PDB file of all heavy atoms in Angstrom:
ATOM      1  N   LYS A   1       0.856  -1.182   0.000  1.00  0.00           N
ATOM      2  CA  LYS A   1       0.000   0.000   0.000  1.00  0.00           C
ATOM      3  C   LYS A   1       0.896   1.238   0.000  1.00  0.00           C
ATOM      4  O   LYS A   1       1.680   1.442   0.917  1.00  0.00           O
ATOM      5  CB  LYS A   1      -0.917   0.018   1.222  1.00  0.00           C
ATOM      6  CG  LYS A   1      -1.969   1.125   1.147  1.00  0.00           C
ATOM      7  CD  LYS A   1      -2.922   1.093   2.321  1.00  0.00           C
ATOM      8  CE  LYS A   1      -2.282   1.682   3.570  1.00  0.00           C
ATOM      9  NZ  LYS A   1      -3.248   1.815   4.685  1.00  0.00           N
ATOM     10  N   ILE A   2       0.769   2.041  -1.039  1.00  0.00           N
ATOM     11  CA  ILE A   2       1.627   3.215  -1.156  1.00  0.00           C
ATOM     12  C   ILE A   2       0.908   4.508  -0.811  1.00  0.00           C
ATOM     13  O   ILE A   2       1.556   5.552  -0.628  1.00  0.00           O
ATOM     14  CB  ILE A   2       2.230   3.332  -2.568  1.00  0.00           C
ATOM     15  CG1 ILE A   2       1.118   3.474  -3.621  1.00  0.00           C
ATOM     16  CG2 ILE A   2       3.124   2.132  -2.877  1.00  0.00           C
ATOM     17  CD1 ILE A   2       1.638   3.812  -5.018  1.00  0.00           C
ATOM     18  N   ALA A   3      -0.428   4.462  -0.715  1.00  0.00           N
ATOM     19  CA  ALA A   3      -1.175   5.671  -0.380  1.00  0.00           C
ATOM     20  C   ALA A   3      -2.575   5.295   0.065  1.00  0.00           C
ATOM     21  O   ALA A   3      -3.101   4.248  -0.308  1.00  0.00           O
ATOM     22  CB  ALA A   3      -1.253   6.617  -1.585  1.00  0.00           C
ATOM     23  N   GLU A   4      -3.171   6.165   0.857  1.00  0.00           N
ATOM     24  CA  GLU A   4      -4.564   6.011   1.275  1.00  0.00           C
ATOM     25  C   GLU A   4      -5.081   7.368   1.704  1.00  0.00           C
ATOM     26  O   GLU A   4      -4.355   8.171   2.297  1.00  0.00           O
ATOM     27  CB  GLU A   4      -4.705   5.018   2.422  1.00  0.00           C
ATOM     28  CG  GLU A   4      -6.154   4.800   2.844  1.00  0.00           C
ATOM     29  CD  GLU A   4      -6.301   3.828   4.003  1.00  0.00           C
ATOM     30  OE1 GLU A   4      -5.284   3.277   4.445  1.00  0.00           O
ATOM     31  OE2 GLU A   4      -7.440   3.640   4.467  1.00  0.00           O
ATOM     32  N   GLY A   5      -6.343   7.642   1.394  1.00  0.00           N
ATOM     33  CA  GLY A   5      -6.939   8.911   1.799  1.00  0.00           C
ATOM     34  C   GLY A   5      -8.220   9.160   1.047  1.00  0.00           C
ATOM     35  O   GLY A   5      -8.805   8.253   0.441  1.00  0.00           O
ATOM     36  N   THR A   6      -8.678  10.394   1.084  1.00  0.00           N
ATOM     37  CA  THR A   6      -9.841  10.769   0.296  1.00  0.00           C
ATOM     38  C   THR A   6      -9.462  10.734  -1.181  1.00  0.00           C
ATOM     39  O   THR A   6      -8.278  10.762  -1.537  1.00  0.00           O
ATOM     40  CB  THR A   6     -10.312  12.173   0.667  1.00  0.00           C
ATOM     41  OG1 THR A   6      -9.287  13.120   0.285  1.00  0.00           O
ATOM     42  CG2 THR A   6     -10.586  12.288   2.160  1.00  0.00           C
ATOM     43  N   PRO A   7     -10.451  10.693  -2.076  1.00  0.00           N
ATOM     44  CA  PRO A   7     -10.121  10.723  -3.495  1.00  0.00           C
ATOM     45  C   PRO A   7      -9.233  11.900  -3.880  1.00  0.00           C
ATOM     46  O   PRO A   7      -8.281  11.742  -4.655  1.00  0.00           O
ATOM     47  CB  PRO A   7     -11.492  10.797  -4.167  1.00  0.00           C
ATOM     48  CG  PRO A   7     -12.401  10.075  -3.228  1.00  0.00           C
ATOM     49  CD  PRO A   7     -11.904  10.446  -1.855  1.00  0.00           C
ATOM     50  N   ALA A   8      -9.508  13.080  -3.338  1.00  0.00           N
ATOM     51  CA  ALA A   8      -8.703  14.255  -3.677  1.00  0.00           C
ATOM     52  C   ALA A   8      -7.266  14.096  -3.197  1.00  0.00           C
ATOM     53  O   ALA A   8      -6.315  14.455  -3.910  1.00  0.00           O
ATOM     54  CB  ALA A   8      -9.329  15.510  -3.071  1.00  0.00           C
ATOM     55  N   GLU A   9      -7.098  13.553  -1.991  1.00  0.00           N
ATOM     56  CA  GLU A   9      -5.745  13.359  -1.464  1.00  0.00           C
ATOM     57  C   GLU A   9      -4.956  12.368  -2.301  1.00  0.00           C
ATOM     58  O   GLU A   9      -3.769  12.579  -2.590  1.00  0.00           O
ATOM     59  CB  GLU A   9      -5.826  12.876  -0.011  1.00  0.00           C
ATOM     60  CG  GLU A   9      -6.315  13.936   0.964  1.00  0.00           C
ATOM     61  CD  GLU A   9      -6.650  13.367   2.344  1.00  0.00           C
ATOM     62  OE1 GLU A   9      -6.831  12.129   2.453  1.00  0.00           O
ATOM     63  OE2 GLU A   9      -6.746  14.161   3.293  1.00  0.00           O
ATOM     64  N   VAL A  10      -5.599  11.282  -2.699  1.00  0.00           N
ATOM     65  CA  VAL A  10      -4.915  10.251  -3.478  1.00  0.00           C
ATOM     66  C   VAL A  10      -4.537  10.763  -4.859  1.00  0.00           C
ATOM     67  O   VAL A  10      -3.454  10.475  -5.380  1.00  0.00           O
ATOM     68  CB  VAL A  10      -5.802   8.991  -3.565  1.00  0.00           C
ATOM     69  CG1 VAL A  10      -5.287   8.031  -4.626  1.00  0.00           C
ATOM     70  CG2 VAL A  10      -5.850   8.293  -2.201  1.00  0.00           C
ATOM     71  N   GLN A  11      -5.431  11.543  -5.469  1.00  0.00           N
ATOM     72  CA  GLN A  11      -5.140  12.081  -6.796  1.00  0.00           C
ATOM     73  C   GLN A  11      -3.900  12.961  -6.807  1.00  0.00           C
ATOM     74  O   GLN A  11      -3.185  13.033  -7.804  1.00  0.00           O
ATOM     75  CB  GLN A  11      -6.338  12.893  -7.298  1.00  0.00           C
ATOM     76  CG  GLN A  11      -7.474  12.047  -7.828  1.00  0.00           C
ATOM     77  CD  GLN A  11      -8.626  12.907  -8.297  1.00  0.00           C
ATOM     78  OE1 GLN A  11      -9.185  13.699  -7.537  1.00  0.00           O
ATOM     79  NE2 GLN A  11      -8.984  12.772  -9.563  1.00  0.00           N
ATOM     80  N   ARG A  12      -3.630  13.623  -5.679  1.00  0.00           N
ATOM     81  CA  ARG A  12      -2.488  14.541  -5.611  1.00  0.00           C
ATOM     82  C   ARG A  12      -1.200  13.865  -5.165  1.00  0.00           C
ATOM     83  O   ARG A  12      -0.135  14.481  -5.199  1.00  0.00           O
ATOM     84  CB  ARG A  12      -2.792  15.694  -4.641  1.00  0.00           C
ATOM     85  CG  ARG A  12      -3.916  16.615  -5.073  1.00  0.00           C
ATOM     86  CD  ARG A  12      -3.939  17.865  -4.206  1.00  0.00           C
ATOM     87  NE  ARG A  12      -4.129  17.557  -2.798  1.00  0.00           N
ATOM     88  CZ  ARG A  12      -5.305  17.566  -2.174  1.00  0.00           C
ATOM     89  NH1 ARG A  12      -6.401  17.862  -2.855  1.00  0.00           N
ATOM     90  NH2 ARG A  12      -5.403  17.273  -0.886  1.00  0.00           N
ATOM     91  N   ASP A  13      -1.290  12.609  -4.715  1.00  0.00           N
ATOM     92  CA  ASP A  13      -0.123  11.954  -4.122  1.00  0.00           C
ATOM     93  C   ASP A  13       0.913  11.629  -5.194  1.00  0.00           C
ATOM     94  O   ASP A  13       0.617  10.906  -6.152  1.00  0.00           O
ATOM     95  CB  ASP A  13      -0.569  10.675  -3.410  1.00  0.00           C
ATOM     96  CG  ASP A  13       0.503  10.115  -2.496  1.00  0.00           C
ATOM     97  OD1 ASP A  13       1.627   9.879  -2.985  1.00  0.00           O
ATOM     98  OD2 ASP A  13       0.219   9.908  -1.306  1.00  0.00           O
ATOM     99  N   PRO A  14       2.158  12.125  -5.051  1.00  0.00           N
ATOM    100  CA  PRO A  14       3.187  11.851  -6.067  1.00  0.00           C
ATOM    101  C   PRO A  14       3.486  10.372  -6.256  1.00  0.00           C
ATOM    102  O   PRO A  14       3.814   9.939  -7.363  1.00  0.00           O
ATOM    103  CB  PRO A  14       4.421  12.585  -5.515  1.00  0.00           C
ATOM    104  CG  PRO A  14       3.902  13.565  -4.528  1.00  0.00           C
ATOM    105  CD  PRO A  14       2.645  12.991  -3.968  1.00  0.00           C
ATOM    106  N   ARG A  15       3.342   9.572  -5.181  1.00  0.00           N
ATOM    107  CA  ARG A  15       3.618   8.137  -5.306  1.00  0.00           C
ATOM    108  C   ARG A  15       2.575   7.457  -6.192  1.00  0.00           C
ATOM    109  O   ARG A  15       2.889   6.526  -6.938  1.00  0.00           O
ATOM    110  CB  ARG A  15       3.639   7.487  -3.917  1.00  0.00           C
ATOM    111  CG  ARG A  15       4.765   7.977  -3.015  1.00  0.00           C
ATOM    112  CD  ARG A  15       4.519   7.572  -1.582  1.00  0.00           C
ATOM    113  NE  ARG A  15       3.292   8.170  -1.059  1.00  0.00           N
ATOM    114  CZ  ARG A  15       2.836   7.996   0.191  1.00  0.00           C
ATOM    115  NH1 ARG A  15       3.493   7.214   1.019  1.00  0.00           N
ATOM    116  NH2 ARG A  15       1.721   8.594   0.586  1.00  0.00           N
ATOM    117  N   VAL A  16       1.336   7.926  -6.107  1.00  0.00           N
ATOM    118  CA  VAL A  16       0.275   7.361  -6.934  1.00  0.00           C
ATOM    119  C   VAL A  16       0.493   7.748  -8.393  1.00  0.00           C
ATOM    120  O   VAL A  16       0.389   6.911  -9.305  1.00  0.00           O
ATOM    121  CB  VAL A  16      -1.103   7.849  -6.449  1.00  0.00           C
ATOM    122  CG1 VAL A  16      -2.206   7.319  -7.355  1.00  0.00           C
ATOM    123  CG2 VAL A  16      -1.334   7.403  -5.009  1.00  0.00           C
ATOM    124  N   ILE A  17       0.808   8.991  -8.636  1.00  0.00           N
ATOM    125  CA  ILE A  17       1.075   9.451  -9.998  1.00  0.00           C
ATOM    126  C   ILE A  17       2.240   8.666 -10.590  1.00  0.00           C
ATOM    127  O   ILE A  17       2.194   8.222 -11.742  1.00  0.00           O
ATOM    128  CB  ILE A  17       1.377  10.960  -9.990  1.00  0.00           C
ATOM    129  CG1 ILE A  17       0.162  11.740  -9.491  1.00  0.00           C
ATOM    130  CG2 ILE A  17       1.772  11.425 -11.396  1.00  0.00           C
ATOM    131  CD1 ILE A  17       0.423  13.196  -9.231  1.00  0.00           C
ATOM    132  N   ALA A  18       3.281   8.450  -9.787  1.00  0.00           N
ATOM    133  CA  ALA A  18       4.439   7.696 -10.275  1.00  0.00           C
ATOM    134  C   ALA A  18       4.074   6.255 -10.613  1.00  0.00           C
ATOM    135  O   ALA A  18       4.523   5.704 -11.621  1.00  0.00           O
ATOM    136  CB  ALA A  18       5.545   7.720  -9.224  1.00  0.00           C
ATOM    137  N   ALA A  19       3.248   5.634  -9.759  1.00  0.00           N
ATOM    138  CA  ALA A  19       2.867   4.235  -9.985  1.00  0.00           C
ATOM    139  C   ALA A  19       2.091   4.072 -11.283  1.00  0.00           C
ATOM    140  O   ALA A  19       2.269   3.087 -12.007  1.00  0.00           O
ATOM    141  CB  ALA A  19       2.045   3.721  -8.806  1.00  0.00           C
ATOM    142  N   TYR A  20       1.231   5.043 -11.604  1.00  0.00           N
ATOM    143  CA  TYR A  20       0.414   4.935 -12.809  1.00  0.00           C
ATOM    144  C   TYR A  20       1.147   5.388 -14.058  1.00  0.00           C
ATOM    145  O   TYR A  20       0.922   4.862 -15.147  1.00  0.00           O
ATOM    146  CB  TYR A  20      -0.884   5.746 -12.632  1.00  0.00           C
ATOM    147  CG  TYR A  20      -1.964   4.960 -11.930  1.00  0.00           C
ATOM    148  CD1 TYR A  20      -2.145   5.058 -10.564  1.00  0.00           C
ATOM    149  CD2 TYR A  20      -2.792   4.098 -12.641  1.00  0.00           C
ATOM    150  CE1 TYR A  20      -3.127   4.331  -9.915  1.00  0.00           C
ATOM    151  CE2 TYR A  20      -3.778   3.364 -12.013  1.00  0.00           C
ATOM    152  CZ  TYR A  20      -3.938   3.489 -10.645  1.00  0.00           C
ATOM    153  OH  TYR A  20      -4.902   2.748 -10.013  1.00  0.00           O
ATOM    154  N   LEU A  21       2.039   6.356 -13.918  1.00  0.00           N
ATOM    155  CA  LEU A  21       2.744   6.878 -15.091  1.00  0.00           C
ATOM    156  C   LEU A  21       4.105   6.254 -15.296  1.00  0.00           C
ATOM    157  O   LEU A  21       4.746   6.461 -16.325  1.00  0.00           O
ATOM    158  CB  LEU A  21       2.887   8.398 -14.973  1.00  0.00           C
ATOM    159  CG  LEU A  21       1.584   9.192 -14.933  1.00  0.00           C
ATOM    160  CD1 LEU A  21       1.869  10.687 -14.898  1.00  0.00           C
ATOM    161  CD2 LEU A  21       0.675   8.853 -16.105  1.00  0.00           C
ATOM    162  N   GLY A  22       4.600   5.515 -14.273  1.00  0.00           N
ATOM    163  CA  GLY A  22       5.871   4.841 -14.419  1.00  0.00           C
ATOM    164  C   GLY A  22       7.064   5.767 -14.345  1.00  0.00           C
ATOM    165  O   GLY A  22       8.078   5.509 -14.987  1.00  0.00           O
ATOM    166  N   VAL A  23       6.948   6.858 -13.567  1.00  0.00           N
ATOM    167  CA  VAL A  23       8.067   7.792 -13.408  1.00  0.00           C
ATOM    168  C   VAL A  23       8.371   7.919 -11.927  1.00  0.00           C
ATOM    169  O   VAL A  23       7.509   7.720 -11.078  1.00  0.00           O
ATOM    170  CB  VAL A  23       7.722   9.188 -13.988  1.00  0.00           C
ATOM    171  CG1 VAL A  23       7.520   9.104 -15.482  1.00  0.00           C
ATOM    172  CG2 VAL A  23       6.501   9.773 -13.305  1.00  0.00           C
ATOM    173  N   PRO A  24       9.616   8.228 -11.568  1.00  0.00           N
ATOM    174  CA  PRO A  24       9.961   8.389 -10.156  1.00  0.00           C
ATOM    175  C   PRO A  24       9.167   9.513  -9.519  1.00  0.00           C
ATOM    176  O   PRO A  24       8.874  10.527 -10.164  1.00  0.00           O
ATOM    177  CB  PRO A  24      11.457   8.713 -10.182  1.00  0.00           C
ATOM    178  CG  PRO A  24      11.945   8.216 -11.503  1.00  0.00           C
ATOM    179  CD  PRO A  24      10.788   8.378 -12.442  1.00  0.00           C
TER     180      PRO A  24
END
C-alpha cells in the first residue's frame, strides 16, 4: 500500500502518480 486517503488526497499523491505513469 503506497497511499490512502480521500479521493482528492490520493489524486495529488506523487507516489500514486508515479505508480500509474511509471516515473519516479
